[in-house]
């Protein structure tokens, strides 16, 4: 049996800390996979120099239950 655990943050470094903290609690052999993704939170019809949309970073961890 498998289980998925999700994490999200608008700061990638914070997301990595959350994931690492969780992985540190797992027993050896329980981790199956870790998937990362980033999604822009705003879509703009124009671009300006130095202006970037906010991004939400997500991670899904698949573990053996």
Protein backbone atom coordinates (compact mmCIF):
# COMPACT_ATOMS: atom_id res chain seq x y z
CA UNK A 1 0.00 0.00 0.00
CA UNK A 2 1.21 3.50 -0.87
CA UNK A 3 0.53 7.01 0.40
CA UNK A 4 1.18 10.48 -1.05
CA UNK A 5 2.14 13.48 1.06
CA UNK A 6 2.01 17.00 -0.39
CA UNK A 7 3.83 20.24 0.45
CA UNK A 8 3.61 23.74 -1.01
CA UNK A 9 5.28 27.11 -0.59
CA UNK A 10 5.91 30.34 -2.50
CA UNK A 11 9.58 30.06 -1.47
CA UNK A 12 11.51 27.15 -3.00
CA UNK A 13 14.14 27.11 -0.23
CA UNK A 14 11.35 26.82 2.37
CA UNK A 15 9.78 23.97 0.40
CA UNK A 16 13.08 22.09 0.37
CA UNK A 17 13.37 22.50 4.16
CA UNK A 18 9.83 21.16 4.65
CA UNK A 19 10.52 18.16 2.41
CA UNK A 20 13.88 17.42 4.04
CA UNK A 21 12.33 17.61 7.51
CA UNK A 22 9.64 15.13 6.49
CA UNK A 23 12.11 12.79 4.79
CA UNK A 24 14.17 12.76 7.99
CA UNK A 25 11.21 11.20 9.82
CA UNK A 26 10.83 8.27 7.42
CA UNK A 27 12.06 4.78 8.14
CA UNK A 28 14.68 3.37 5.77
CA UNK A 29 13.05 1.82 2.69
CA UNK A 30 9.77 3.78 2.94
CA UNK A 31 10.54 6.45 0.30
CA UNK A 32 9.32 5.68 -3.21
CA UNK A 33 9.66 9.02 -5.04
CA UNK A 34 9.68 12.83 -4.72
CA UNK A 35 8.14 15.03 -7.44
CA UNK A 36 8.60 18.82 -7.61
CA UNK A 37 6.61 21.33 -9.65
CA UNK A 38 6.30 25.10 -9.97
CA UNK A 39 3.16 26.96 -11.03
CA UNK A 40 2.88 30.69 -11.79
CA UNK A 41 0.15 32.22 -9.61
CA UNK A 42 -0.59 35.05 -12.07
CA UNK A 43 -0.75 35.17 -15.85
CA UNK A 44 0.05 38.50 -17.42
CA UNK A 45 -0.80 39.70 -20.92
CA UNK A 46 2.38 41.79 -20.96
CA UNK A 47 5.84 41.55 -19.48
CA UNK A 48 7.89 44.26 -17.87
CA UNK A 49 11.60 44.10 -17.23
CA UNK A 50 12.26 42.86 -13.71
CA UNK A 51 8.61 41.98 -12.99
CA UNK A 52 7.92 38.30 -12.53
CA UNK A 53 4.73 36.52 -11.48
CA UNK A 54 4.58 34.92 -8.05
CA UNK A 55 5.19 31.20 -8.16
CA UNK A 56 3.88 28.38 -5.99
CA UNK A 57 6.26 25.46 -5.59
CA UNK A 58 4.86 22.04 -4.76
CA UNK A 59 6.29 18.68 -3.84
CA UNK A 60 4.61 15.30 -3.69
CA UNK A 61 6.29 12.50 -1.77
CA UNK A 62 5.21 8.92 -2.39
CA UNK A 63 5.91 6.48 0.43
CA UNK A 64 5.20 2.89 1.36
CA UNK A 65 2.63 2.73 4.10
